[in-house]
mmCIF file of all heavy atoms, coordinates in Angstrom:
data_MODEL
# 
_entry.id   MODEL 
# 
loop_
_atom_site.group_PDB 
_atom_site.id 
_atom_site.type_symbol 
_atom_site.label_atom_id 
_atom_site.label_alt_id 
_atom_site.label_comp_id 
_atom_site.label_asym_id 
_atom_site.label_entity_id 
_atom_site.label_seq_id 
_atom_site.pdbx_PDB_ins_code 
_atom_site.Cartn_x 
_atom_site.Cartn_y 
_atom_site.Cartn_z 
_atom_site.occupancy 
_atom_site.B_iso_or_equiv 
_atom_site.pdbx_formal_charge 
_atom_site.auth_seq_id 
_atom_site.auth_comp_id 
_atom_site.auth_asym_id 
_atom_site.auth_atom_id 
_atom_site.pdbx_PDB_model_num 
ATOM 1   N N   . THR A 1 1  ? 14.343  7.256  15.217 1.00 0.00 ? 1  THR A N   1 
ATOM 2   C CA  . THR A 1 1  ? 13.029  6.616  15.072 1.00 0.00 ? 1  THR A CA  1 
ATOM 3   C C   . THR A 1 1  ? 11.917  7.644  15.245 1.00 0.00 ? 1  THR A C   1 
ATOM 4   O O   . THR A 1 1  ? 10.976  7.695  14.440 1.00 0.00 ? 1  THR A O   1 
ATOM 5   C CB  . THR A 1 1  ? 12.869  5.477  16.097 1.00 0.00 ? 1  THR A CB  1 
ATOM 6   O OG1 . THR A 1 1  ? 13.921  4.526  15.914 1.00 0.00 ? 1  THR A OG1 1 
ATOM 7   C CG2 . THR A 1 1  ? 11.522  4.793  15.941 1.00 0.00 ? 1  THR A CG2 1 
ATOM 8   N N   . LEU A 1 2  ? 12.026  8.483  16.272 1.00 0.00 ? 2  LEU A N   1 
ATOM 9   C CA  . LEU A 1 2  ? 11.018  9.526  16.482 1.00 0.00 ? 2  LEU A CA  1 
ATOM 10  C C   . LEU A 1 2  ? 10.994  10.516 15.321 1.00 0.00 ? 2  LEU A C   1 
ATOM 11  O O   . LEU A 1 2  ? 9.920   10.941 14.880 1.00 0.00 ? 2  LEU A O   1 
ATOM 12  C CB  . LEU A 1 2  ? 11.279  10.247 17.798 1.00 0.00 ? 2  LEU A CB  1 
ATOM 13  C CG  . LEU A 1 2  ? 11.104  9.406  19.066 1.00 0.00 ? 2  LEU A CG  1 
ATOM 14  C CD1 . LEU A 1 2  ? 11.529  10.189 20.293 1.00 0.00 ? 2  LEU A CD1 1 
ATOM 15  C CD2 . LEU A 1 2  ? 9.688   8.899  19.195 1.00 0.00 ? 2  LEU A CD2 1 
ATOM 16  N N   . ASN A 1 3  ? 12.158  10.874 14.798 1.00 0.00 ? 3  ASN A N   1 
ATOM 17  C CA  . ASN A 1 3  ? 12.220  11.790 13.650 1.00 0.00 ? 3  ASN A CA  1 
ATOM 18  C C   . ASN A 1 3  ? 11.610  11.164 12.400 1.00 0.00 ? 3  ASN A C   1 
ATOM 19  O O   . ASN A 1 3  ? 10.911  11.837 11.640 1.00 0.00 ? 3  ASN A O   1 
ATOM 20  C CB  . ASN A 1 3  ? 13.656  12.221 13.376 1.00 0.00 ? 3  ASN A CB  1 
ATOM 21  C CG  . ASN A 1 3  ? 14.186  13.173 14.417 1.00 0.00 ? 3  ASN A CG  1 
ATOM 22  O OD1 . ASN A 1 3  ? 13.424  13.778 15.172 1.00 0.00 ? 3  ASN A OD1 1 
ATOM 23  N ND2 . ASN A 1 3  ? 15.496  13.296 14.484 1.00 0.00 ? 3  ASN A ND2 1 
ATOM 24  N N   . CYS A 1 4  ? 11.863  9.886  12.177 1.00 0.00 ? 4  CYS A N   1 
ATOM 25  C CA  . CYS A 1 4  ? 11.265  9.200  11.024 1.00 0.00 ? 4  CYS A CA  1 
ATOM 26  C C   . CYS A 1 4  ? 9.740   9.145  11.156 1.00 0.00 ? 4  CYS A C   1 
ATOM 27  O O   . CYS A 1 4  ? 9.022   9.301  10.157 1.00 0.00 ? 4  CYS A O   1 
ATOM 28  C CB  . CYS A 1 4  ? 11.838  7.792  10.874 1.00 0.00 ? 4  CYS A CB  1 
ATOM 29  S SG  . CYS A 1 4  ? 13.515  7.730  10.245 1.00 0.00 ? 4  CYS A SG  1 
ATOM 30  N N   . CYS A 1 5  ? 9.254   8.928  12.371 1.00 0.00 ? 5  CYS A N   1 
ATOM 31  C CA  . CYS A 1 5  ? 7.803   8.948  12.599 1.00 0.00 ? 5  CYS A CA  1 
ATOM 32  C C   . CYS A 1 5  ? 7.235   10.325 12.290 1.00 0.00 ? 5  CYS A C   1 
ATOM 33  O O   . CYS A 1 5  ? 6.195   10.453 11.639 1.00 0.00 ? 5  CYS A O   1 
ATOM 34  C CB  . CYS A 1 5  ? 7.487   8.568  14.036 1.00 0.00 ? 5  CYS A CB  1 
ATOM 35  S SG  . CYS A 1 5  ? 7.829   6.849  14.450 1.00 0.00 ? 5  CYS A SG  1 
ATOM 36  N N   . ARG A 1 6  ? 7.928   11.342 12.746 1.00 0.00 ? 6  ARG A N   1 
ATOM 37  C CA  . ARG A 1 6  ? 7.497   12.721 12.493 1.00 0.00 ? 6  ARG A CA  1 
ATOM 38  C C   . ARG A 1 6  ? 7.506   13.014 10.987 1.00 0.00 ? 6  ARG A C   1 
ATOM 39  O O   . ARG A 1 6  ? 6.569   13.616 10.455 1.00 0.00 ? 6  ARG A O   1 
ATOM 40  C CB  . ARG A 1 6  ? 8.423   13.681 13.240 1.00 0.00 ? 6  ARG A CB  1 
ATOM 41  C CG  . ARG A 1 6  ? 7.839   15.029 13.481 1.00 0.00 ? 6  ARG A CG  1 
ATOM 42  C CD  . ARG A 1 6  ? 8.677   15.863 14.440 1.00 0.00 ? 6  ARG A CD  1 
ATOM 43  N NE  . ARG A 1 6  ? 8.704   15.263 15.774 1.00 0.00 ? 6  ARG A NE  1 
ATOM 44  C CZ  . ARG A 1 6  ? 9.818   14.897 16.410 1.00 0.00 ? 6  ARG A CZ  1 
ATOM 45  N NH1 . ARG A 1 6  ? 10.990  15.088 15.873 1.00 0.00 ? 6  ARG A NH1 1 
ATOM 46  N NH2 . ARG A 1 6  ? 9.756   14.361 17.612 1.00 0.00 ? 6  ARG A NH2 1 
ATOM 47  N N   . ASP A 1 7  ? 8.552   12.581 10.302 1.00 0.00 ? 7  ASP A N   1 
ATOM 48  C CA  . ASP A 1 7  ? 8.637   12.786 8.858  1.00 0.00 ? 7  ASP A CA  1 
ATOM 49  C C   . ASP A 1 7  ? 7.498   12.080 8.131  1.00 0.00 ? 7  ASP A C   1 
ATOM 50  O O   . ASP A 1 7  ? 6.944   12.599 7.165  1.00 0.00 ? 7  ASP A O   1 
ATOM 51  C CB  . ASP A 1 7  ? 9.973   12.278 8.306  1.00 0.00 ? 7  ASP A CB  1 
ATOM 52  C CG  . ASP A 1 7  ? 11.151  13.108 8.769  1.00 0.00 ? 7  ASP A CG  1 
ATOM 53  O OD1 . ASP A 1 7  ? 10.929  14.223 9.291  1.00 0.00 ? 7  ASP A OD1 1 
ATOM 54  O OD2 . ASP A 1 7  ? 12.295  12.639 8.615  1.00 0.00 ? 7  ASP A OD2 1 
ATOM 55  N N   . LEU A 1 8  ? 7.150   10.891 8.604  1.00 0.00 ? 8  LEU A N   1 
ATOM 56  C CA  . LEU A 1 8  ? 6.055   10.141 7.990  1.00 0.00 ? 8  LEU A CA  1 
ATOM 57  C C   . LEU A 1 8  ? 4.743   10.905 8.104  1.00 0.00 ? 8  LEU A C   1 
ATOM 58  O O   . LEU A 1 8  ? 3.986   11.016 7.135  1.00 0.00 ? 8  LEU A O   1 
ATOM 59  C CB  . LEU A 1 8  ? 5.927   8.771  8.663  1.00 0.00 ? 8  LEU A CB  1 
ATOM 60  C CG  . LEU A 1 8  ? 4.768   7.920  8.168  1.00 0.00 ? 8  LEU A CG  1 
ATOM 61  C CD1 . LEU A 1 8  ? 5.122   7.313  6.822  1.00 0.00 ? 8  LEU A CD1 1 
ATOM 62  C CD2 . LEU A 1 8  ? 4.439   6.849  9.171  1.00 0.00 ? 8  LEU A CD2 1 
ATOM 63  N N   . TRP A 1 9  ? 4.465   11.456 9.286  1.00 0.00 ? 9  TRP A N   1 
ATOM 64  C CA  . TRP A 1 9  ? 3.203   12.176 9.476  1.00 0.00 ? 9  TRP A CA  1 
ATOM 65  C C   . TRP A 1 9  ? 3.166   13.497 8.723  1.00 0.00 ? 9  TRP A C   1 
ATOM 66  O O   . TRP A 1 9  ? 2.096   13.994 8.400  1.00 0.00 ? 9  TRP A O   1 
ATOM 67  C CB  . TRP A 1 9  ? 2.938   12.413 10.964 1.00 0.00 ? 9  TRP A CB  1 
ATOM 68  C CG  . TRP A 1 9  ? 2.639   11.131 11.670 1.00 0.00 ? 9  TRP A CG  1 
ATOM 69  C CD1 . TRP A 1 9  ? 3.390   10.537 12.633 1.00 0.00 ? 9  TRP A CD1 1 
ATOM 70  C CD2 . TRP A 1 9  ? 1.527   10.262 11.447 1.00 0.00 ? 9  TRP A CD2 1 
ATOM 71  N NE1 . TRP A 1 9  ? 2.823   9.355  13.028 1.00 0.00 ? 9  TRP A NE1 1 
ATOM 72  C CE2 . TRP A 1 9  ? 1.669   9.165  12.319 1.00 0.00 ? 9  TRP A CE2 1 
ATOM 73  C CE3 . TRP A 1 9  ? 0.430   10.290 10.600 1.00 0.00 ? 9  TRP A CE3 1 
ATOM 74  C CZ2 . TRP A 1 9  ? 0.762   8.106  12.371 1.00 0.00 ? 9  TRP A CZ2 1 
ATOM 75  C CZ3 . TRP A 1 9  ? -0.481  9.241  10.648 1.00 0.00 ? 9  TRP A CZ3 1 
ATOM 76  C CH2 . TRP A 1 9  ? -0.311  8.178  11.517 1.00 0.00 ? 9  TRP A CH2 1 
ATOM 77  N N   . LYS A 1 10 ? 4.333   14.069 8.409  1.00 0.00 ? 10 LYS A N   1 
ATOM 78  C CA  . LYS A 1 10 ? 4.373   15.328 7.665  1.00 0.00 ? 10 LYS A CA  1 
ATOM 79  C C   . LYS A 1 10 ? 4.332   15.115 6.153  1.00 0.00 ? 10 LYS A C   1 
ATOM 80  O O   . LYS A 1 10 ? 4.135   16.068 5.410  1.00 0.00 ? 10 LYS A O   1 
ATOM 81  C CB  . LYS A 1 10 ? 5.667   16.097 7.996  1.00 0.00 ? 10 LYS A CB  1 
ATOM 82  C CG  . LYS A 1 10 ? 5.685   16.661 9.394  1.00 0.00 ? 10 LYS A CG  1 
ATOM 83  C CD  . LYS A 1 10 ? 6.842   17.597 9.634  1.00 0.00 ? 10 LYS A CD  1 
ATOM 84  C CE  . LYS A 1 10 ? 8.179   17.016 9.293  1.00 0.00 ? 10 LYS A CE  1 
ATOM 85  N NZ  . LYS A 1 10 ? 9.322   17.842 9.658  1.00 0.00 ? 10 LYS A NZ  1 
ATOM 86  N N   . SER A 1 11 ? 4.509   13.890 5.701  1.00 0.00 ? 11 SER A N   1 
ATOM 87  C CA  . SER A 1 11 ? 4.602   13.636 4.257  1.00 0.00 ? 11 SER A CA  1 
ATOM 88  C C   . SER A 1 11 ? 3.288   13.938 3.548  1.00 0.00 ? 11 SER A C   1 
ATOM 89  O O   . SER A 1 11 ? 2.194   13.815 4.107  1.00 0.00 ? 11 SER A O   1 
ATOM 90  C CB  . SER A 1 11 ? 5.005   12.183 3.994  1.00 0.00 ? 11 SER A CB  1 
ATOM 91  O OG  . SER A 1 11 ? 3.938   11.311 4.309  1.00 0.00 ? 11 SER A OG  1 
ATOM 92  N N   . ALA A 1 12 ? 3.394   14.337 2.302  1.00 0.00 ? 12 ALA A N   1 
ATOM 93  C CA  . ALA A 1 12 ? 2.213   14.666 1.501  1.00 0.00 ? 12 ALA A CA  1 
ATOM 94  C C   . ALA A 1 12 ? 1.314   13.445 1.329  1.00 0.00 ? 12 ALA A C   1 
ATOM 95  O O   . ALA A 1 12 ? 0.091   13.551 1.366  1.00 0.00 ? 12 ALA A O   1 
ATOM 96  C CB  . ALA A 1 12 ? 2.639   15.198 0.135  1.00 0.00 ? 12 ALA A CB  1 
ATOM 97  N N   . TRP A 1 13 ? 1.898   12.282 1.146  1.00 0.00 ? 13 TRP A N   1 
ATOM 98  C CA  . TRP A 1 13 ? 1.128   11.050 0.986  1.00 0.00 ? 13 TRP A CA  1 
ATOM 99  C C   . TRP A 1 13 ? 0.237   10.827 2.217  1.00 0.00 ? 13 TRP A C   1 
ATOM 100 O O   . TRP A 1 13 ? -0.941  10.554 2.098  1.00 0.00 ? 13 TRP A O   1 
ATOM 101 C CB  . TRP A 1 13 ? 2.074   9.860  0.809  1.00 0.00 ? 13 TRP A CB  1 
ATOM 102 C CG  . TRP A 1 13 ? 1.378   8.542  0.903  1.00 0.00 ? 13 TRP A CG  1 
ATOM 103 C CD1 . TRP A 1 13 ? 1.316   7.725  1.982  1.00 0.00 ? 13 TRP A CD1 1 
ATOM 104 C CD2 . TRP A 1 13 ? 0.602   7.911  -0.116 1.00 0.00 ? 13 TRP A CD2 1 
ATOM 105 N NE1 . TRP A 1 13 ? 0.568   6.618  1.716  1.00 0.00 ? 13 TRP A NE1 1 
ATOM 106 C CE2 . TRP A 1 13 ? 0.115   6.706  0.417  1.00 0.00 ? 13 TRP A CE2 1 
ATOM 107 C CE3 . TRP A 1 13 ? 0.272   8.239  -1.424 1.00 0.00 ? 13 TRP A CE3 1 
ATOM 108 C CZ2 . TRP A 1 13 ? -0.668  5.838  -0.306 1.00 0.00 ? 13 TRP A CZ2 1 
ATOM 109 C CZ3 . TRP A 1 13 ? -0.516  7.362  -2.141 1.00 0.00 ? 13 TRP A CZ3 1 
ATOM 110 C CH2 . TRP A 1 13 ? -0.981  6.188  -1.591 1.00 0.00 ? 13 TRP A CH2 1 
ATOM 111 N N   . ASN A 1 14 ? 0.800   10.958 3.357  1.00 0.00 ? 14 ASN A N   1 
ATOM 112 C CA  . ASN A 1 14 ? 0.060   10.708 4.589  1.00 0.00 ? 14 ASN A CA  1 
ATOM 113 C C   . ASN A 1 14 ? -1.063  11.719 4.796  1.00 0.00 ? 14 ASN A C   1 
ATOM 114 O O   . ASN A 1 14 ? -2.114  11.379 5.314  1.00 0.00 ? 14 ASN A O   1 
ATOM 115 C CB  . ASN A 1 14 ? 1.019   10.729 5.787  1.00 0.00 ? 14 ASN A CB  1 
ATOM 116 C CG  . ASN A 1 14 ? 0.364   10.183 7.012  1.00 0.00 ? 14 ASN A CG  1 
ATOM 117 O OD1 . ASN A 1 14 ? -0.098  9.053  7.020  1.00 0.00 ? 14 ASN A OD1 1 
ATOM 118 N ND2 . ASN A 1 14 ? 0.298   10.988 8.047  1.00 0.00 ? 14 ASN A ND2 1 
ATOM 119 N N   . ARG A 1 15 ? -0.854  12.951 4.385  1.00 0.00 ? 15 ARG A N   1 
ATOM 120 C CA  . ARG A 1 15 ? -1.876  13.974 4.578  1.00 0.00 ? 15 ARG A CA  1 
ATOM 121 C C   . ARG A 1 15 ? -3.069  13.808 3.642  1.00 0.00 ? 15 ARG A C   1 
ATOM 122 O O   . ARG A 1 15 ? -4.145  14.318 3.915  1.00 0.00 ? 15 ARG A O   1 
ATOM 123 C CB  . ARG A 1 15 ? -1.273  15.364 4.377  1.00 0.00 ? 15 ARG A CB  1 
ATOM 124 C CG  . ARG A 1 15 ? -0.420  15.779 5.580  1.00 0.00 ? 15 ARG A CG  1 
ATOM 125 C CD  . ARG A 1 15 ? 0.113   17.171 5.430  1.00 0.00 ? 15 ARG A CD  1 
ATOM 126 N NE  . ARG A 1 15 ? 1.340   17.073 4.628  1.00 0.00 ? 15 ARG A NE  1 
ATOM 127 C CZ  . ARG A 1 15 ? 1.690   17.883 3.657  1.00 0.00 ? 15 ARG A CZ  1 
ATOM 128 N NH1 . ARG A 1 15 ? 0.930   18.889 3.329  1.00 0.00 ? 15 ARG A NH1 1 
ATOM 129 N NH2 . ARG A 1 15 ? 2.813   17.708 2.990  1.00 0.00 ? 15 ARG A NH2 1 
ATOM 130 N N   . HIS A 1 16 ? -2.881  13.073 2.539  1.00 0.00 ? 16 HIS A N   1 
ATOM 131 C CA  . HIS A 1 16 ? -3.955  12.961 1.544  1.00 0.00 ? 16 HIS A CA  1 
ATOM 132 C C   . HIS A 1 16 ? -4.588  11.574 1.476  1.00 0.00 ? 16 HIS A C   1 
ATOM 133 O O   . HIS A 1 16 ? -5.460  11.342 0.660  1.00 0.00 ? 16 HIS A O   1 
ATOM 134 C CB  . HIS A 1 16 ? -3.433  13.347 0.159  1.00 0.00 ? 16 HIS A CB  1 
ATOM 135 C CG  . HIS A 1 16 ? -2.981  14.773 0.095  1.00 0.00 ? 16 HIS A CG  1 
ATOM 136 N ND1 . HIS A 1 16 ? -3.819  15.840 0.305  1.00 0.00 ? 16 HIS A ND1 1 
ATOM 137 C CD2 . HIS A 1 16 ? -1.763  15.316 -0.125 1.00 0.00 ? 16 HIS A CD2 1 
ATOM 138 C CE1 . HIS A 1 16 ? -3.150  16.974 0.200  1.00 0.00 ? 16 HIS A CE1 1 
ATOM 139 N NE2 . HIS A 1 16 ? -1.896  16.684 -0.047 1.00 0.00 ? 16 HIS A NE2 1 
ATOM 140 N N   . VAL A 1 17 ? -4.175  10.660 2.318  1.00 0.00 ? 17 VAL A N   1 
ATOM 141 C CA  . VAL A 1 17 ? -4.709  9.309  2.302  1.00 0.00 ? 17 VAL A CA  1 
ATOM 142 C C   . VAL A 1 17 ? -5.616  9.130  3.516  1.00 0.00 ? 17 VAL A C   1 
ATOM 143 O O   . VAL A 1 17 ? -5.282  9.553  4.616  1.00 0.00 ? 17 VAL A O   1 
ATOM 144 C CB  . VAL A 1 17 ? -3.554  8.265  2.343  1.00 0.00 ? 17 VAL A CB  1 
ATOM 145 C CG1 . VAL A 1 17 ? -4.099  6.869  2.510  1.00 0.00 ? 17 VAL A CG1 1 
ATOM 146 C CG2 . VAL A 1 17 ? -2.732  8.363  1.079  1.00 0.00 ? 17 VAL A CG2 1 
ATOM 147 N N   . VAL A 1 18 ? -6.750  8.485  3.304  1.00 0.00 ? 18 VAL A N   1 
ATOM 148 C CA  . VAL A 1 18 ? -7.671  8.196  4.390  1.00 0.00 ? 18 VAL A CA  1 
ATOM 149 C C   . VAL A 1 18 ? -7.443  6.748  4.798  1.00 0.00 ? 18 VAL A C   1 
ATOM 150 O O   . VAL A 1 18 ? -7.507  5.840  3.976  1.00 0.00 ? 18 VAL A O   1 
ATOM 151 C CB  . VAL A 1 18 ? -9.141  8.378  3.942  1.00 0.00 ? 18 VAL A CB  1 
ATOM 152 C CG1 . VAL A 1 18 ? -10.095 8.005  5.058  1.00 0.00 ? 18 VAL A CG1 1 
ATOM 153 C CG2 . VAL A 1 18 ? -9.360  9.799  3.471  1.00 0.00 ? 18 VAL A CG2 1 
ATOM 154 N N   . TYR A 1 19 ? -7.175  6.536  6.078  1.00 0.00 ? 19 TYR A N   1 
ATOM 155 C CA  . TYR A 1 19 ? -6.893  5.202  6.584  1.00 0.00 ? 19 TYR A CA  1 
ATOM 156 C C   . TYR A 1 19 ? -8.123  4.610  7.241  1.00 0.00 ? 19 TYR A C   1 
ATOM 157 O O   . TYR A 1 19 ? -8.915  5.305  7.853  1.00 0.00 ? 19 TYR A O   1 
ATOM 158 C CB  . TYR A 1 19 ? -5.769  5.245  7.626  1.00 0.00 ? 19 TYR A CB  1 
ATOM 159 C CG  . TYR A 1 19 ? -4.445  5.618  7.041  1.00 0.00 ? 19 TYR A CG  1 
ATOM 160 C CD1 . TYR A 1 19 ? -3.942  6.898  7.185  1.00 0.00 ? 19 TYR A CD1 1 
ATOM 161 C CD2 . TYR A 1 19 ? -3.706  4.685  6.340  1.00 0.00 ? 19 TYR A CD2 1 
ATOM 162 C CE1 . TYR A 1 19 ? -2.721  7.246  6.647  1.00 0.00 ? 19 TYR A CE1 1 
ATOM 163 C CE2 . TYR A 1 19 ? -2.486  5.025  5.792  1.00 0.00 ? 19 TYR A CE2 1 
ATOM 164 C CZ  . TYR A 1 19 ? -1.999  6.297  5.954  1.00 0.00 ? 19 TYR A CZ  1 
ATOM 165 O OH  . TYR A 1 19 ? -0.790  6.637  5.414  1.00 0.00 ? 19 TYR A OH  1 
ATOM 166 N N   . GLU A 1 20 ? -8.242  3.311  7.109  1.00 0.00 ? 20 GLU A N   1 
ATOM 167 C CA  . GLU A 1 20 ? -9.284  2.589  7.816  1.00 0.00 ? 20 GLU A CA  1 
ATOM 168 C C   . GLU A 1 20 ? -8.821  2.425  9.251  1.00 0.00 ? 20 GLU A C   1 
ATOM 169 O O   . GLU A 1 20 ? -7.684  2.044  9.513  1.00 0.00 ? 20 GLU A O   1 
ATOM 170 C CB  . GLU A 1 20 ? -9.463  1.217  7.161  1.00 0.00 ? 20 GLU A CB  1 
ATOM 171 C CG  . GLU A 1 20 ? -10.599 0.429  7.713  1.00 0.00 ? 20 GLU A CG  1 
ATOM 172 C CD  . GLU A 1 20 ? -10.755 -0.890 6.979  1.00 0.00 ? 20 GLU A CD  1 
ATOM 173 O OE1 . GLU A 1 20 ? -10.407 -0.963 5.796  1.00 0.00 ? 20 GLU A OE1 1 
ATOM 174 O OE2 . GLU A 1 20 ? -11.213 -1.834 7.616  1.00 0.00 ? 20 GLU A OE2 1 
ATOM 175 N N   . ARG A 1 21 ? -9.685  2.711  10.214 1.00 0.00 ? 21 ARG A N   1 
ATOM 176 C CA  . ARG A 1 21 ? -9.289  2.675  11.630 1.00 0.00 ? 21 ARG A CA  1 
ATOM 177 C C   . ARG A 1 21 ? -9.259  1.231  12.129 1.00 0.00 ? 21 ARG A C   1 
ATOM 178 O O   . ARG A 1 21 ? -10.287 0.624  12.354 1.00 0.00 ? 21 ARG A O   1 
ATOM 179 C CB  . ARG A 1 21 ? -10.261 3.496  12.471 1.00 0.00 ? 21 ARG A CB  1 
ATOM 180 C CG  . ARG A 1 21 ? -10.330 4.951  12.101 1.00 0.00 ? 21 ARG A CG  1 
ATOM 181 C CD  . ARG A 1 21 ? -9.084  5.676  12.460 1.00 0.00 ? 21 ARG A CD  1 
ATOM 182 N NE  . ARG A 1 21 ? -8.975  5.719  13.904 1.00 0.00 ? 21 ARG A NE  1 
ATOM 183 C CZ  . ARG A 1 21 ? -7.963  6.238  14.534 1.00 0.00 ? 21 ARG A CZ  1 
ATOM 184 N NH1 . ARG A 1 21 ? -6.963  6.732  13.891 1.00 0.00 ? 21 ARG A NH1 1 
ATOM 185 N NH2 . ARG A 1 21 ? -7.927  6.245  15.836 1.00 0.00 ? 21 ARG A NH2 1 
ATOM 186 N N   . LYS A 1 22 ? -8.055  0.697  12.287 1.00 0.00 ? 22 LYS A N   1 
ATOM 187 C CA  . LYS A 1 22 ? -7.892  -0.651 12.827 1.00 0.00 ? 22 LYS A CA  1 
ATOM 188 C C   . LYS A 1 22 ? -6.920  -0.634 13.992 1.00 0.00 ? 22 LYS A C   1 
ATOM 189 O O   . LYS A 1 22 ? -6.255  -1.599 14.256 1.00 0.00 ? 22 LYS A O   1 
ATOM 190 C CB  . LYS A 1 22 ? -7.348  -1.595 11.755 1.00 0.00 ? 22 LYS A CB  1 
ATOM 191 C CG  . LYS A 1 22 ? -8.323  -1.931 10.684 1.00 0.00 ? 22 LYS A CG  1 
ATOM 192 C CD  . LYS A 1 22 ? -7.756  -2.965 9.767  1.00 0.00 ? 22 LYS A CD  1 
ATOM 193 C CE  . LYS A 1 22 ? -8.736  -3.341 8.700  1.00 0.00 ? 22 LYS A CE  1 
ATOM 194 N NZ  . LYS A 1 22 ? -8.204  -4.329 7.786  1.00 0.00 ? 22 LYS A NZ  1 
ATOM 195 N N   . ASP A 1 23 ? -6.838  0.464  14.675 1.00 0.00 ? 23 ASP A N   1 
ATOM 196 C CA  . ASP A 1 23 ? -5.875  0.539  15.770 1.00 0.00 ? 23 ASP A CA  1 
ATOM 197 C C   . ASP A 1 23 ? -6.572  0.358  17.112 1.00 0.00 ? 23 ASP A C   1 
ATOM 198 O O   . ASP A 1 23 ? -7.412  -0.504 17.262 1.00 0.00 ? 23 ASP A O   1 
ATOM 199 C CB  . ASP A 1 23 ? -5.047  1.825  15.706 1.00 0.00 ? 23 ASP A CB  1 
ATOM 200 C CG  . ASP A 1 23 ? -5.928  3.071  15.615 1.00 0.00 ? 23 ASP A CG  1 
ATOM 201 O OD1 . ASP A 1 23 ? -7.123  2.959  15.875 1.00 0.00 ? 23 ASP A OD1 1 
ATOM 202 O OD2 . ASP A 1 23 ? -5.402  4.142  15.292 1.00 0.00 ? 23 ASP A OD2 1 
ATOM 203 N N   . VAL A 1 24 ? -6.273  1.153  18.078 1.00 0.00 ? 24 VAL A N   1 
ATOM 204 C CA  . VAL A 1 24 ? -6.741  0.960  19.447 1.00 0.00 ? 24 VAL A CA  1 
ATOM 205 C C   . VAL A 1 24 ? -8.258  0.925  19.544 1.00 0.00 ? 24 VAL A C   1 
ATOM 206 O O   . VAL A 1 24 ? -8.823  0.081  20.216 1.00 0.00 ? 24 VAL A O   1 
ATOM 207 C CB  . VAL A 1 24 ? -6.168  2.074  20.362 1.00 0.00 ? 24 VAL A CB  1 
ATOM 208 C CG1 . VAL A 1 24 ? -6.723  1.943  21.762 1.00 0.00 ? 24 VAL A CG1 1 
ATOM 209 C CG2 . VAL A 1 24 ? -4.666  2.010  20.364 1.00 0.00 ? 24 VAL A CG2 1 
# 
């Protein structure tokens, strides 16, 4: 699970998409 999270944050898609802040 931790590795999949890490992979998600390293992905090209994630680095180029701007997210709307709806978290904490």
